[in-house]
Amino acid sequence: MWSDVVAPGMSTEGRFVLLCDWQGRAVWGSMPFDRLKPGEFAWEHLAPSCREKAKEAIARAASLRESRTLELRSESGKRFRVWVWPLSRPDIAVCVLGVRIPANLDQLTEREQECLEWLGTGHSTQTIAEKLGIGLTTIHTHLRHCREKLGVESHEALIAFAAKHCQPPDNA
């Protein structure tokens, strides 16, 4: 029923949509409900360190109509980028869209991840170098290492990967 409205013909590999009531209980989800069952709280199968963050985002979407972007981990350690936003129906108050963050992203150094985050927001390599206070050649080296570690073939593909999987820096 909802799948025809939310994601007709869409490949959901590594992605999910979750609709919740105003309390944060799952109403419908595009992912297999092998762990999260309708009626359970959306945060029940998250890592303990992520539960409060998810609760707060869902509560603020339902009550204050605020949207949020979060990075969360499941109990099994899988990382997800999730977007939470309010809906206008009384029985379905919140929509959560999630995209799995590839595990190989953890192979990057902190500086490589930082460069990738800036790249994903559309900044040029020159601007990234200026913002991070390092040379342009160093930025290119970091991004080359990112491509190698992530198995991404081109700079353009790396930009797309970063836009999809990397949280923008706070001061972007």
C-alpha atoms as a PDB file:
ATOM      1  CA  MET A   1       0.000   0.000   0.000  1.00  0.00           C
ATOM      2  CA  TRP A   2       2.503   2.668   1.124  1.00  0.00           C
ATOM      3  CA  SER A   3       5.307   1.248  -1.054  1.00  0.00           C
ATOM      4  CA  ASP A   4       3.439   2.369  -4.178  1.00  0.00           C
ATOM      5  CA  VAL A   5       3.330   5.939  -2.857  1.00  0.00           C
ATOM      6  CA  VAL A   6       6.736   6.208  -1.189  1.00  0.00           C
ATOM      7  CA  ALA A   7       9.084   4.298  -3.485  1.00  0.00           C
ATOM      8  CA  PRO A   8       7.531   2.958  -6.680  1.00  0.00           C
ATOM      9  CA  GLY A   9      10.135   0.968  -8.614  1.00  0.00           C
ATOM     10  CA  MET A  10      12.980   2.246  -6.411  1.00  0.00           C
ATOM     11  CA  SER A  11      15.868  -0.036  -5.498  1.00  0.00           C
ATOM     12  CA  THR A  12      16.065  -0.045  -1.721  1.00  0.00           C
ATOM     13  CA  GLU A  13      19.427  -1.773  -1.375  1.00  0.00           C
ATOM     14  CA  GLY A  14      21.225   0.099   1.406  1.00  0.00           C
ATOM     15  CA  ARG A  15      18.269   2.475   1.816  1.00  0.00           C
ATOM     16  CA  PHE A  16      15.079   2.499   3.816  1.00  0.00           C
ATOM     17  CA  VAL A  17      12.052   4.614   4.517  1.00  0.00           C
ATOM     18  CA  LEU A  18      10.378   4.420   7.916  1.00  0.00           C
ATOM     19  CA  LEU A  19       7.077   6.083   8.782  1.00  0.00           C
ATOM     20  CA  CYS A  20       6.385   6.690  12.478  1.00  0.00           C
ATOM     21  CA  ASP A  21       3.484   7.923  14.578  1.00  0.00           C
ATOM     22  CA  TRP A  22       3.860  10.975  16.818  1.00  0.00           C
ATOM     23  CA  GLN A  23       5.378   8.818  19.602  1.00  0.00           C
ATOM     24  CA  GLY A  24       8.089   7.371  17.352  1.00  0.00           C
ATOM     25  CA  ARG A  25       6.464   3.962  16.880  1.00  0.00           C
ATOM     26  CA  ALA A  26       7.013   2.301  13.499  1.00  0.00           C
ATOM     27  CA  VAL A  27       3.921   2.335  11.295  1.00  0.00           C
ATOM     28  CA  TRP A  28       5.467   1.195   8.012  1.00  0.00           C
ATOM     29  CA  GLY A  29       8.948   0.565   6.657  1.00  0.00           C
ATOM     30  CA  SER A  30      10.447  -0.326   3.311  1.00  0.00           C
ATOM     31  CA  MET A  31      13.100  -2.504   4.933  1.00  0.00           C
ATOM     32  CA  PRO A  32      12.339  -6.072   5.940  1.00  0.00           C
ATOM     33  CA  PHE A  33      10.786  -5.937   9.387  1.00  0.00           C
ATOM     34  CA  ASP A  34      12.895  -8.811  10.695  1.00  0.00           C
ATOM     35  CA  ARG A  35      14.076  -6.739  13.645  1.00  0.00           C
ATOM     36  CA  LEU A  36      11.908  -3.611  13.867  1.00  0.00           C
ATOM     37  CA  LYS A  37       8.264  -4.565  13.932  1.00  0.00           C
ATOM     38  CA  PRO A  38       5.292  -2.244  13.450  1.00  0.00           C
ATOM     39  CA  GLY A  39       4.422  -0.737  16.833  1.00  0.00           C
ATOM     40  CA  GLU A  40       8.003  -0.806  18.154  1.00  0.00           C
ATOM     41  CA  PHE A  41       9.859   2.413  18.800  1.00  0.00           C
ATOM     42  CA  ALA A  42      12.072   3.452  15.877  1.00  0.00           C
ATOM     43  CA  TRP A  43      15.188   3.546  18.078  1.00  0.00           C
ATOM     44  CA  GLU A  44      14.814   0.118  19.733  1.00  0.00           C
ATOM     45  CA  HIS A  45      17.463  -1.585  17.586  1.00  0.00           C
ATOM     46  CA  LEU A  46      19.969   1.256  17.499  1.00  0.00           C
ATOM     47  CA  ALA A  47      23.255   1.196  19.373  1.00  0.00           C
ATOM     48  CA  PRO A  48      22.678   2.469  22.936  1.00  0.00           C
ATOM     49  CA  SER A  49      24.830   5.537  22.225  1.00  0.00           C
ATOM     50  CA  CYS A  50      22.474   6.584  19.384  1.00  0.00           C
ATOM     51  CA  ARG A  51      19.078   6.020  20.957  1.00  0.00           C
ATOM     52  CA  GLU A  52      18.685   9.404  22.674  1.00  0.00           C
ATOM     53  CA  LYS A  53      19.782  11.253  19.550  1.00  0.00           C
ATOM     54  CA  ALA A  54      17.167   9.406  17.461  1.00  0.00           C
ATOM     55  CA  LYS A  55      14.453   9.892  20.113  1.00  0.00           C
ATOM     56  CA  GLU A  56      15.106  13.618  20.236  1.00  0.00           C
ATOM     57  CA  ALA A  57      15.109  14.015  16.436  1.00  0.00           C
ATOM     58  CA  ILE A  58      11.803  12.153  16.082  1.00  0.00           C
ATOM     59  CA  ALA A  59      10.223  14.057  18.981  1.00  0.00           C
ATOM     60  CA  ARG A  60      11.302  17.419  17.536  1.00  0.00           C
ATOM     61  CA  ALA A  61       9.982  16.453  14.095  1.00  0.00           C
ATOM     62  CA  ALA A  62       6.627  15.360  15.527  1.00  0.00           C
ATOM     63  CA  SER A  63       6.120  18.237  17.966  1.00  0.00           C
ATOM     64  CA  LEU A  64       8.149  21.198  16.661  1.00  0.00           C
ATOM     65  CA  ARG A  65       8.076  20.254  12.941  1.00  0.00           C
ATOM     66  CA  GLU A  66      11.889  20.354  12.713  1.00  0.00           C
ATOM     67  CA  SER A  67      13.900  18.325  10.215  1.00  0.00           C
ATOM     68  CA  ARG A  68      17.234  16.761  11.157  1.00  0.00           C
ATOM     69  CA  THR A  69      20.105  14.847   9.583  1.00  0.00           C
ATOM     70  CA  LEU A  70      21.877  12.303  11.796  1.00  0.00           C
ATOM     71  CA  GLU A  71      24.471   9.588  11.650  1.00  0.00           C
ATOM     72  CA  LEU A  72      23.344   6.530  13.598  1.00  0.00           C
ATOM     73  CA  ARG A  73      24.597   3.006  14.263  1.00  0.00           C
ATOM     74  CA  SER A  74      22.502  -0.125  14.561  1.00  0.00           C
ATOM     75  CA  GLU A  75      23.072  -2.624  17.359  1.00  0.00           C
ATOM     76  CA  SER A  76      25.050  -4.693  14.847  1.00  0.00           C
ATOM     77  CA  GLY A  77      27.381  -1.742  14.149  1.00  0.00           C
ATOM     78  CA  LYS A  78      26.085  -0.735  10.703  1.00  0.00           C
ATOM     79  CA  ARG A  79      26.252   3.009  10.121  1.00  0.00           C
ATOM     80  CA  PHE A  80      23.439   4.996   8.535  1.00  0.00           C
ATOM     81  CA  ARG A  81      22.898   8.585   7.490  1.00  0.00           C
ATOM     82  CA  VAL A  82      19.273   9.394   8.278  1.00  0.00           C
ATOM     83  CA  TRP A  83      17.060  12.318   7.447  1.00  0.00           C
ATOM     84  CA  VAL A  84      14.109  12.895   9.760  1.00  0.00           C
ATOM     85  CA  TRP A  85      11.276  15.236   8.853  1.00  0.00           C
ATOM     86  CA  PRO A  86       7.681  15.936   9.898  1.00  0.00           C
ATOM     87  CA  LEU A  87       4.601  14.804   8.009  1.00  0.00           C
ATOM     88  CA  SER A  88       1.119  16.267   8.169  1.00  0.00           C
ATOM     89  CA  ARG A  89      -0.988  13.197   8.938  1.00  0.00           C
ATOM     90  CA  PRO A  90      -2.174  12.571  12.502  1.00  0.00           C
ATOM     91  CA  ASP A  91      -1.462   8.821  12.259  1.00  0.00           C
ATOM     92  CA  ILE A  92       1.908   9.233  10.512  1.00  0.00           C
ATOM     93  CA  ALA A  93       3.783  12.173  11.965  1.00  0.00           C
ATOM     94  CA  VAL A  94       7.412  11.496  11.002  1.00  0.00           C
ATOM     95  CA  CYS A  95       9.290  10.147   7.998  1.00  0.00           C
ATOM     96  CA  VAL A  96      12.802   8.748   8.326  1.00  0.00           C
ATOM     97  CA  LEU A  97      14.911   8.140   5.235  1.00  0.00           C
ATOM     98  CA  GLY A  98      18.103   6.164   5.806  1.00  0.00           C
ATOM     99  CA  VAL A  99      21.114   5.376   3.649  1.00  0.00           C
ATOM    100  CA  ARG A 100      23.710   2.834   4.752  1.00  0.00           C
ATOM    101  CA  ILE A 101      27.199   4.266   5.081  1.00  0.00           C
ATOM    102  CA  PRO A 102      29.728   1.871   3.555  1.00  0.00           C
ATOM    103  CA  ALA A 103      31.987   0.153   6.084  1.00  0.00           C
ATOM    104  CA  ASN A 104      35.113   1.001   4.070  1.00  0.00           C
ATOM    105  CA  LEU A 105      34.598   4.666   4.974  1.00  0.00           C
ATOM    106  CA  ASP A 106      36.113   3.718   8.347  1.00  0.00           C
ATOM    107  CA  GLN A 107      39.424   2.961   6.549  1.00  0.00           C
ATOM    108  CA  LEU A 108      40.001   6.653   5.896  1.00  0.00           C
ATOM    109  CA  THR A 109      42.121   8.758   8.188  1.00  0.00           C
ATOM    110  CA  GLU A 110      40.456  11.606  10.045  1.00  0.00           C
ATOM    111  CA  ARG A 111      41.984  14.137   7.629  1.00  0.00           C
ATOM    112  CA  GLU A 112      40.878  12.151   4.567  1.00  0.00           C
ATOM    113  CA  GLN A 113      37.341  12.031   5.952  1.00  0.00           C
ATOM    114  CA  GLU A 114      37.451  15.757   6.606  1.00  0.00           C
ATOM    115  CA  CYS A 115      38.507  16.455   2.998  1.00  0.00           C
ATOM    116  CA  LEU A 116      35.749  14.163   1.749  1.00  0.00           C
ATOM    117  CA  GLU A 117      33.130  15.954   3.888  1.00  0.00           C
ATOM    118  CA  TRP A 118      34.098  19.313   2.371  1.00  0.00           C
ATOM    119  CA  LEU A 119      34.162  17.804  -1.118  1.00  0.00           C
ATOM    120  CA  GLY A 120      30.660  16.426  -0.624  1.00  0.00           C
ATOM    121  CA  THR A 121      29.302  19.907   0.058  1.00  0.00           C
ATOM    122  CA  GLY A 122      30.464  21.110  -3.350  1.00  0.00           C
ATOM    123  CA  HIS A 123      33.661  22.910  -2.341  1.00  0.00           C
ATOM    124  CA  SER A 124      36.569  23.012  -4.775  1.00  0.00           C
ATOM    125  CA  THR A 125      39.905  21.492  -3.828  1.00  0.00           C
ATOM    126  CA  GLN A 126      41.378  25.011  -3.639  1.00  0.00           C
ATOM    127  CA  THR A 127      38.668  26.106  -1.167  1.00  0.00           C
ATOM    128  CA  ILE A 128      39.148  22.931   0.895  1.00  0.00           C
ATOM    129  CA  ALA A 129      42.889  23.636   1.087  1.00  0.00           C
ATOM    130  CA  GLU A 130      42.204  27.185   2.269  1.00  0.00           C
ATOM    131  CA  LYS A 131      39.606  26.099   4.846  1.00  0.00           C
ATOM    132  CA  LEU A 132      41.882  23.397   6.272  1.00  0.00           C
ATOM    133  CA  GLY A 133      45.038  25.504   6.078  1.00  0.00           C
ATOM    134  CA  ILE A 134      46.992  22.948   4.047  1.00  0.00           C
ATOM    135  CA  GLY A 135      48.455  22.871   0.550  1.00  0.00           C
ATOM    136  CA  LEU A 136      46.525  22.026  -2.584  1.00  0.00           C
ATOM    137  CA  THR A 137      48.903  19.144  -3.346  1.00  0.00           C
ATOM    138  CA  THR A 138      48.165  17.669   0.083  1.00  0.00           C
ATOM    139  CA  ILE A 139      44.409  17.876  -0.615  1.00  0.00           C
ATOM    140  CA  HIS A 140      44.903  16.057  -3.922  1.00  0.00           C
ATOM    141  CA  THR A 141      46.958  13.389  -2.123  1.00  0.00           C
ATOM    142  CA  HIS A 142      44.250  12.907   0.527  1.00  0.00           C
ATOM    143  CA  LEU A 143      41.549  12.628  -2.136  1.00  0.00           C
ATOM    144  CA  ARG A 144      43.641  10.157  -4.162  1.00  0.00           C
ATOM    145  CA  HIS A 145      43.998   8.023  -1.018  1.00  0.00           C
ATOM    146  CA  CYS A 146      40.212   8.256  -0.546  1.00  0.00           C
ATOM    147  CA  ARG A 147      39.626   7.018  -4.098  1.00  0.00           C
ATOM    148  CA  GLU A 148      42.047   4.131  -3.615  1.00  0.00           C
ATOM    149  CA  LYS A 149      40.661   3.038  -0.231  1.00  0.00           C
ATOM    150  CA  LEU A 150      37.037   3.371  -1.326  1.00  0.00           C
ATOM    151  CA  GLY A 151      37.520   1.813  -4.752  1.00  0.00           C
ATOM    152  CA  VAL A 152      36.182   4.902  -6.508  1.00  0.00           C
ATOM    153  CA  GLU A 153      37.531   5.404 -10.034  1.00  0.00           C
ATOM    154  CA  SER A 154      37.231   9.139 -10.695  1.00  0.00           C
ATOM    155  CA  HIS A 155      37.129  12.482  -8.938  1.00  0.00           C
ATOM    156  CA  GLU A 156      33.521  12.957 -10.096  1.00  0.00           C
ATOM    157  CA  ALA A 157      32.535   9.570  -8.624  1.00  0.00           C
ATOM    158  CA  LEU A 158      34.271  10.562  -5.371  1.00  0.00           C
ATOM    159  CA  ILE A 159      32.208  13.772  -5.237  1.00  0.00           C
ATOM    160  CA  ALA A 160      29.011  11.745  -5.695  1.00  0.00           C
ATOM    161  CA  PHE A 161      30.111   9.262  -3.021  1.00  0.00           C
ATOM    162  CA  ALA A 162      30.914  12.095  -0.599  1.00  0.00           C
ATOM    163  CA  ALA A 163      27.610  13.863  -1.226  1.00  0.00           C
ATOM    164  CA  LYS A 164      25.711  10.662  -0.531  1.00  0.00           C
ATOM    165  CA  HIS A 165      27.651   9.243   2.420  1.00  0.00           C
ATOM    166  CA  CYS A 166      29.495  12.028   4.255  1.00  0.00           C
ATOM    167  CA  GLN A 167      28.040  14.368   6.855  1.00  0.00           C
ATOM    168  CA  PRO A 168      28.762  17.992   5.962  1.00  0.00           C
ATOM    169  CA  PRO A 169      31.131  19.746   8.370  1.00  0.00           C
ATOM    170  CA  ASP A 170      29.435  21.994  10.947  1.00  0.00           C
ATOM    171  CA  ASN A 171      30.922  25.143   9.433  1.00  0.00           C
ATOM    172  CA  ALA A 172      30.291  24.246   5.761  1.00  0.00           C
END
